[in-house]
Amino acid sequence: MYTWTYVRRPLSPLFAILGPHIVALVEFDKTPGIYLVTNLVDCQPEEVYIGMPLEVVFQRINDKLTMPLFKPQRPRH
């Protein structure tokens, strides 16, 4: 993760449905200099840090739209 912020109040009523959420700027290991603005899920703001390893998860919005989100990379056993 390159950087992040915690959104407590949305700037637009259109985003009110999200409630408080974490927005991250993700840089990909294999493509340095390429960034994606996305939401960070499955963690609390106090757990987030710059450089945190992340993994992609996909959220199906409807039949035509699936969103890439990211969550902390958990140790694999």
N, C-alpha and C. Protein backbone atom coordinates (compact mmCIF):
# COMPACT_ATOMS: atom_id res chain seq x y z
N MET A 1 0.83 -1.17 0.00
CA MET A 1 0.00 0.00 0.00
C MET A 1 0.89 1.24 0.00
N TYR A 2 0.56 2.15 -0.89
CA TYR A 2 1.35 3.36 -1.03
C TYR A 2 0.92 4.41 0.01
N THR A 3 -0.39 4.64 0.12
CA THR A 3 -0.93 5.55 1.13
C THR A 3 -2.42 5.24 1.32
N TRP A 4 -3.03 5.87 2.32
CA TRP A 4 -4.44 5.59 2.61
C TRP A 4 -5.03 6.74 3.42
N THR A 5 -6.36 6.76 3.50
CA THR A 5 -7.07 7.70 4.34
C THR A 5 -8.35 7.04 4.84
N TYR A 6 -8.84 7.53 5.96
CA TYR A 6 -10.08 7.02 6.55
C TYR A 6 -11.17 8.06 6.30
N VAL A 7 -12.19 7.69 5.57
CA VAL A 7 -13.30 8.59 5.24
C VAL A 7 -14.38 8.43 6.30
N ARG A 8 -14.56 9.48 7.10
CA ARG A 8 -15.59 9.44 8.15
C ARG A 8 -16.93 9.94 7.63
N ARG A 9 -16.87 11.01 6.83
CA ARG A 9 -18.08 11.59 6.24
C ARG A 9 -17.88 11.73 4.74
N PRO A 10 -18.78 11.21 3.95
CA PRO A 10 -18.63 11.30 2.50
C PRO A 10 -18.81 12.74 2.01
N LEU A 11 -18.12 13.08 0.94
CA LEU A 11 -18.27 14.40 0.34
C LEU A 11 -19.56 14.52 -0.44
N SER A 12 -20.12 13.40 -0.85
CA SER A 12 -21.35 13.39 -1.63
C SER A 12 -22.35 12.43 -0.99
N PRO A 13 -23.63 12.79 -0.99
CA PRO A 13 -24.65 11.87 -0.47
C PRO A 13 -24.67 10.53 -1.20
N LEU A 14 -24.17 10.50 -2.43
CA LEU A 14 -24.13 9.25 -3.20
C LEU A 14 -23.27 8.18 -2.52
N PHE A 15 -22.28 8.62 -1.72
CA PHE A 15 -21.38 7.68 -1.07
C PHE A 15 -21.77 7.40 0.39
N ALA A 16 -22.88 7.98 0.84
CA ALA A 16 -23.30 7.79 2.24
C ALA A 16 -23.56 6.32 2.56
N ILE A 17 -23.97 5.55 1.57
CA ILE A 17 -24.26 4.13 1.79
C ILE A 17 -23.03 3.37 2.27
N LEU A 18 -21.83 3.85 1.92
CA LEU A 18 -20.60 3.18 2.34
C LEU A 18 -20.31 3.35 3.82
N GLY A 19 -20.82 4.43 4.42
CA GLY A 19 -20.48 4.71 5.81
C GLY A 19 -18.99 5.01 5.91
N PRO A 20 -18.44 5.05 7.12
CA PRO A 20 -16.99 5.24 7.26
C PRO A 20 -16.25 4.09 6.58
N HIS A 21 -15.21 4.43 5.83
CA HIS A 21 -14.47 3.39 5.11
C HIS A 21 -13.05 3.87 4.82
N ILE A 22 -12.20 2.92 4.47
CA ILE A 22 -10.79 3.20 4.19
C ILE A 22 -10.59 3.22 2.68
N VAL A 23 -9.99 4.32 2.20
CA VAL A 23 -9.63 4.44 0.78
C VAL A 23 -8.12 4.32 0.70
N ALA A 24 -7.64 3.46 -0.18
CA ALA A 24 -6.21 3.20 -0.30
C ALA A 24 -5.72 3.50 -1.72
N LEU A 25 -4.48 3.92 -1.80
CA LEU A 25 -3.78 4.04 -3.07
C LEU A 25 -2.79 2.88 -3.11
N VAL A 26 -3.07 1.92 -3.98
CA VAL A 26 -2.31 0.67 -4.04
C VAL A 26 -1.33 0.74 -5.21
N GLU A 27 -0.08 0.36 -4.94
CA GLU A 27 0.93 0.23 -5.99
C GLU A 27 1.24 -1.25 -6.14
N PHE A 28 1.30 -1.73 -7.36
CA PHE A 28 1.51 -3.14 -7.61
C PHE A 28 2.99 -3.49 -7.64
N ASP A 29 3.35 -4.60 -6.98
CA ASP A 29 4.75 -5.03 -6.90
C ASP A 29 5.38 -5.23 -8.27
N LYS A 30 4.66 -5.85 -9.17
CA LYS A 30 5.24 -6.21 -10.47
C LYS A 30 5.14 -5.10 -11.50
N THR A 31 4.45 -4.01 -11.16
CA THR A 31 4.34 -2.87 -12.07
C THR A 31 4.52 -1.57 -11.28
N PRO A 32 5.74 -1.28 -10.83
CA PRO A 32 5.98 -0.07 -10.06
C PRO A 32 5.57 1.17 -10.86
N GLY A 33 5.01 2.12 -10.15
CA GLY A 33 4.56 3.36 -10.79
C GLY A 33 3.12 3.31 -11.27
N ILE A 34 2.49 2.14 -11.20
CA ILE A 34 1.08 1.99 -11.54
C ILE A 34 0.31 1.93 -10.23
N TYR A 35 -0.68 2.84 -10.07
CA TYR A 35 -1.44 2.95 -8.83
C TYR A 35 -2.92 2.76 -9.10
N LEU A 36 -3.64 2.27 -8.09
CA LEU A 36 -5.08 2.10 -8.17
C LEU A 36 -5.70 2.65 -6.89
N VAL A 37 -6.68 3.54 -7.04
CA VAL A 37 -7.45 4.01 -5.89
C VAL A 37 -8.57 3.02 -5.67
N THR A 38 -8.68 2.51 -4.44
CA THR A 38 -9.64 1.45 -4.16
C THR A 38 -10.04 1.51 -2.69
N ASN A 39 -10.99 0.70 -2.32
CA ASN A 39 -11.37 0.58 -0.92
C ASN A 39 -10.62 -0.58 -0.28
N LEU A 40 -10.27 -0.38 0.98
CA LEU A 40 -9.62 -1.42 1.77
C LEU A 40 -10.69 -2.01 2.68
N VAL A 41 -10.83 -3.33 2.69
CA VAL A 41 -11.87 -4.00 3.45
C VAL A 41 -11.27 -5.00 4.43
N ASP A 42 -12.09 -5.47 5.35
CA ASP A 42 -11.71 -6.51 6.32
C ASP A 42 -10.60 -6.09 7.27
N CYS A 43 -10.56 -4.80 7.62
CA CYS A 43 -9.61 -4.35 8.64
C CYS A 43 -10.08 -3.02 9.22
N GLN A 44 -9.53 -2.68 10.35
CA GLN A 44 -9.85 -1.43 11.04
C GLN A 44 -8.75 -0.40 10.77
N PRO A 45 -9.07 0.89 10.83
CA PRO A 45 -8.07 1.92 10.55
C PRO A 45 -6.80 1.80 11.40
N GLU A 46 -6.93 1.38 12.65
CA GLU A 46 -5.75 1.27 13.52
C GLU A 46 -4.81 0.13 13.11
N GLU A 47 -5.27 -0.75 12.22
CA GLU A 47 -4.43 -1.86 11.74
C GLU A 47 -3.66 -1.51 10.46
N VAL A 48 -4.02 -0.40 9.82
CA VAL A 48 -3.48 -0.05 8.50
C VAL A 48 -2.14 0.66 8.63
N TYR A 49 -1.20 0.34 7.74
CA TYR A 49 0.08 1.04 7.71
C TYR A 49 0.62 1.08 6.28
N ILE A 50 1.43 2.09 6.00
CA ILE A 50 2.06 2.25 4.69
C ILE A 50 2.98 1.04 4.46
N GLY A 51 2.90 0.48 3.27
CA GLY A 51 3.70 -0.70 2.95
C GLY A 51 3.03 -2.02 3.30
N MET A 52 1.82 -1.96 3.88
CA MET A 52 1.08 -3.17 4.25
C MET A 52 0.86 -4.05 3.02
N PRO A 53 1.21 -5.33 3.10
CA PRO A 53 0.93 -6.23 1.97
C PRO A 53 -0.58 -6.47 1.85
N LEU A 54 -1.07 -6.39 0.64
CA LEU A 54 -2.50 -6.53 0.39
C LEU A 54 -2.76 -7.61 -0.65
N GLU A 55 -4.00 -8.06 -0.68
CA GLU A 55 -4.43 -8.98 -1.74
C GLU A 55 -5.78 -8.51 -2.26
N VAL A 56 -6.02 -8.78 -3.53
CA VAL A 56 -7.26 -8.34 -4.16
C VAL A 56 -8.40 -9.29 -3.83
N VAL A 57 -9.58 -8.71 -3.67
CA VAL A 57 -10.83 -9.46 -3.56
C VAL A 57 -11.81 -8.78 -4.50
N PHE A 58 -12.72 -9.53 -5.06
CA PHE A 58 -13.65 -8.96 -6.03
C PHE A 58 -15.06 -8.97 -5.44
N GLN A 59 -15.72 -7.81 -5.53
CA GLN A 59 -17.09 -7.69 -5.04
C GLN A 59 -18.02 -7.51 -6.24
N ARG A 60 -18.92 -8.44 -6.39
CA ARG A 60 -19.89 -8.36 -7.49
C ARG A 60 -20.96 -7.35 -7.11
N ILE A 61 -21.10 -6.31 -7.92
CA ILE A 61 -22.10 -5.27 -7.67
C ILE A 61 -23.42 -5.65 -8.34
N ASN A 62 -23.34 -6.06 -9.59
CA ASN A 62 -24.51 -6.53 -10.33
C ASN A 62 -24.02 -7.42 -11.48
N ASP A 63 -24.91 -7.77 -12.40
CA ASP A 63 -24.54 -8.67 -13.50
C ASP A 63 -23.45 -8.11 -14.41
N LYS A 64 -23.30 -6.79 -14.43
CA LYS A 64 -22.34 -6.17 -15.35
C LYS A 64 -21.15 -5.53 -14.67
N LEU A 65 -21.15 -5.47 -13.36
CA LEU A 65 -20.09 -4.74 -12.67
C LEU A 65 -19.53 -5.54 -11.48
N THR A 66 -18.23 -5.74 -11.49
CA THR A 66 -17.50 -6.34 -10.37
C THR A 66 -16.37 -5.40 -10.01
N MET A 67 -16.24 -5.08 -8.73
CA MET A 67 -15.24 -4.10 -8.27
C MET A 67 -14.05 -4.81 -7.61
N PRO A 68 -12.83 -4.40 -7.96
CA PRO A 68 -11.66 -4.91 -7.24
C PRO A 68 -11.47 -4.12 -5.95
N LEU A 69 -11.45 -4.81 -4.84
CA LEU A 69 -11.18 -4.22 -3.53
C LEU A 69 -9.93 -4.91 -3.00
N PHE A 70 -9.38 -4.39 -1.93
CA PHE A 70 -8.19 -5.00 -1.36
C PHE A 70 -8.38 -5.23 0.12
N LYS A 71 -7.72 -6.25 0.64
CA LYS A 71 -7.73 -6.55 2.07
C LYS A 71 -6.31 -6.90 2.49
N PRO A 72 -6.03 -6.84 3.80
CA PRO A 72 -4.68 -7.21 4.25
C PRO A 72 -4.37 -8.64 3.87
N GLN A 73 -3.16 -8.85 3.44
CA GLN A 73 -2.70 -10.20 3.10
C GLN A 73 -2.46 -10.95 4.41
N ARG A 74 -3.13 -12.05 4.57
CA ARG A 74 -2.99 -12.86 5.78
C ARG A 74 -1.96 -13.95 5.54
N PRO A 75 -1.25 -14.35 6.59
CA PRO A 75 -0.29 -15.45 6.43
C PRO A 75 -0.99 -16.71 5.93
N ARG A 76 -0.36 -17.40 5.03
CA ARG A 76 -0.93 -18.66 4.50
C ARG A 76 -0.30 -19.82 5.24
N HIS A 77 -1.14 -20.75 5.63
CA HIS A 77 -0.66 -21.92 6.40
C HIS A 77 -0.59 -23.14 5.53
